[in-house]
Amino acid sequence: MSNKQTKLTNYKATMIAEGVLEPDYPDQYIEAWQHLIDTGLAWSLQGWFGRVAKNLIADGICTMKTRN
């Protein structure tokens, strides 16, 4: 069951990305990474987050937030 109305917090997105929390639905894992990229947290947390985020972007799974 997909419930994309559920807003991810920075904490929950980080915990899902690290594997500490199970996603509520399968796509939430990718949504968590996209949240970390969009908020910039992927680049300010430990280096592992940035490396995984870059790979997800390179693989076309996530996208880089566009600047206005």
Protein backbone atom coordinates (compact mmCIF):
# COMPACT_ATOMS: atom_id res chain seq x y z
CA MET A 1 0.00 0.00 0.00
CA SER A 2 1.55 3.26 -1.11
CA ASN A 3 0.84 6.28 1.06
CA LYS A 4 2.85 9.07 -0.50
CA GLN A 5 0.89 11.64 1.52
CA THR A 6 3.02 10.68 4.52
CA LYS A 7 5.60 13.46 4.92
CA LEU A 8 9.09 12.22 5.60
CA THR A 9 10.98 14.00 8.33
CA ASN A 10 14.73 14.41 8.07
CA TYR A 11 15.11 11.90 10.90
CA LYS A 12 12.85 9.26 9.36
CA ALA A 13 14.43 9.63 5.91
CA THR A 14 17.89 9.22 7.42
CA MET A 15 16.88 6.17 9.44
CA ILE A 16 15.24 4.52 6.40
CA ALA A 17 18.29 5.23 4.23
CA GLU A 18 20.57 3.72 6.87
CA GLY A 19 18.37 0.66 7.23
CA VAL A 20 17.53 1.36 10.87
CA LEU A 21 13.80 1.79 10.09
CA GLU A 22 11.79 -0.30 7.65
CA PRO A 23 10.01 1.73 4.97
CA ASP A 24 6.21 1.85 5.34
CA TYR A 25 5.92 0.78 1.66
CA PRO A 26 8.53 -0.28 -0.95
CA ASP A 27 8.91 3.07 -2.76
CA GLN A 28 9.52 4.91 0.51
CA TYR A 29 13.17 3.80 0.50
CA ILE A 30 13.79 5.76 -2.72
CA GLU A 31 11.60 8.62 -1.48
CA ALA A 32 13.80 8.79 1.63
CA TRP A 33 16.92 9.14 -0.50
CA GLN A 34 15.25 11.73 -2.70
CA HIS A 35 14.30 13.66 0.45
CA LEU A 36 17.92 13.59 1.63
CA ILE A 37 19.09 14.85 -1.77
CA ASP A 38 16.41 17.57 -2.01
CA THR A 39 17.09 18.89 1.49
CA GLY A 40 20.87 18.75 1.06
CA LEU A 41 21.28 16.37 3.97
CA ALA A 42 22.83 13.74 1.72
CA TRP A 43 25.81 16.07 1.28
CA SER A 44 26.16 17.11 4.94
CA LEU A 45 25.86 13.74 6.68
CA GLN A 46 28.74 11.27 6.81
CA GLY A 47 30.42 10.61 3.46
CA TRP A 48 28.61 7.34 2.83
CA PHE A 49 25.33 9.20 2.31
CA GLY A 50 26.81 11.44 -0.37
CA ARG A 51 28.41 8.53 -2.19
CA VAL A 52 25.18 6.52 -2.25
CA ALA A 53 23.20 9.61 -3.31
CA LYS A 54 25.61 10.26 -6.21
CA ASN A 55 25.23 6.64 -7.34
CA LEU A 56 21.43 6.80 -7.17
CA ILE A 57 21.49 9.99 -9.26
CA ALA A 58 23.96 8.51 -11.76
CA ASP A 59 21.76 5.41 -12.10
CA GLY A 60 18.68 7.56 -12.76
CA ILE A 61 16.89 6.36 -9.63
CA CYS A 62 16.94 9.78 -7.96
CA THR A 63 17.37 13.25 -9.40
CA MET A 64 19.44 16.23 -8.37
CA LYS A 65 17.30 19.11 -7.14
CA THR A 66 17.30 21.93 -9.67
CA ARG A 67 18.21 25.39 -8.47
CA ASN A 68 15.95 28.33 -9.20
